[in-house]
Amino acid sequence: MPSIAAFSQFVERYGHARVKANHKEAEFNLGQWVHVQRRRYRASKRSGESFEALDDLNFVWAVR
């Protein structure tokens, strides 16, 4: 999954999982993708595989 790969690269590079809304990895809008993942999480519309993969990378589900 290229989106999770981009997120993984971000975490590896910066040492944290708090992606700013306007952040891009190459031409991929990672910030927007992270926003959508958080929205799906809140609405419980996530696949088990991607949810677990993001949890393994310490995805920040709530930023408030």
Protein backbone atom coordinates (compact mmCIF):
# COMPACT_ATOMS: atom_id res chain seq x y z
CA MET A 1 0.00 0.00 0.00
CA PRO A 2 1.83 3.18 -1.16
CA SER A 3 0.01 5.43 1.33
CA ILE A 4 1.11 3.39 4.34
CA ALA A 5 4.61 3.21 2.85
CA ALA A 6 4.71 7.01 2.59
CA PHE A 7 3.53 7.28 6.20
CA SER A 8 6.15 4.75 7.31
CA GLN A 9 8.88 6.75 5.56
CA PHE A 10 7.66 9.91 7.30
CA VAL A 11 7.83 8.23 10.72
CA GLU A 12 11.29 6.87 9.99
CA ARG A 13 12.57 10.24 8.78
CA TYR A 14 11.07 12.48 11.49
CA GLY A 15 10.82 10.07 14.43
CA HIS A 16 7.14 10.81 15.11
CA ALA A 17 3.73 10.20 13.56
CA ARG A 18 2.16 13.65 13.74
CA VAL A 19 1.77 14.63 10.10
CA LYS A 20 0.78 18.23 9.36
CA ALA A 21 -2.26 18.72 7.13
CA ASN A 22 -0.24 20.19 4.25
CA HIS A 23 2.64 17.69 4.30
CA LYS A 24 3.56 15.96 1.02
CA GLU A 25 5.85 13.01 0.39
CA ALA A 26 7.08 13.38 -3.19
CA GLU A 27 3.81 14.12 -5.01
CA PHE A 28 1.61 12.27 -2.49
CA ASN A 29 -0.49 14.46 -0.19
CA LEU A 30 0.28 12.58 3.01
CA GLY A 31 -1.35 15.18 5.26
CA GLN A 32 -4.68 14.82 3.47
CA TRP A 33 -4.43 11.03 3.55
CA VAL A 34 -3.79 11.09 7.32
CA HIS A 35 -6.81 13.36 7.77
CA VAL A 36 -9.01 10.87 5.88
CA GLN A 37 -7.69 7.96 7.98
CA ARG A 38 -8.59 9.82 11.19
CA ARG A 39 -12.06 10.57 9.85
CA ARG A 40 -12.58 6.90 8.92
CA TYR A 41 -11.34 5.86 12.35
CA ARG A 42 -13.89 8.10 14.04
CA ALA A 43 -16.63 6.74 11.78
CA SER A 44 -15.33 3.16 12.25
CA LYS A 45 -14.94 2.71 8.49
CA ARG A 46 -11.48 1.25 8.42
CA SER A 47 -10.15 -2.06 7.25
CA GLY A 48 -8.54 -4.27 9.85
CA GLU A 49 -5.33 -4.60 7.87
CA SER A 50 -4.69 -0.88 7.42
CA PHE A 51 -5.79 -0.13 10.99
CA GLU A 52 -3.29 -2.61 12.39
CA ALA A 53 -0.51 -1.43 10.09
CA LEU A 54 -1.03 2.18 11.18
CA ASP A 55 -1.19 1.19 14.85
CA ASP A 56 2.13 -0.61 14.41
CA LEU A 57 3.60 2.71 13.23
CA ASN A 58 2.15 4.59 16.26
CA PHE A 59 -0.40 6.47 14.15
CA VAL A 60 -1.87 9.42 16.08
CA TRP A 61 -5.64 8.94 15.86
CA ALA A 62 -6.62 12.04 17.84
CA VAL A 63 -4.65 15.27 17.67
CA ARG A 64 -6.54 17.45 20.12
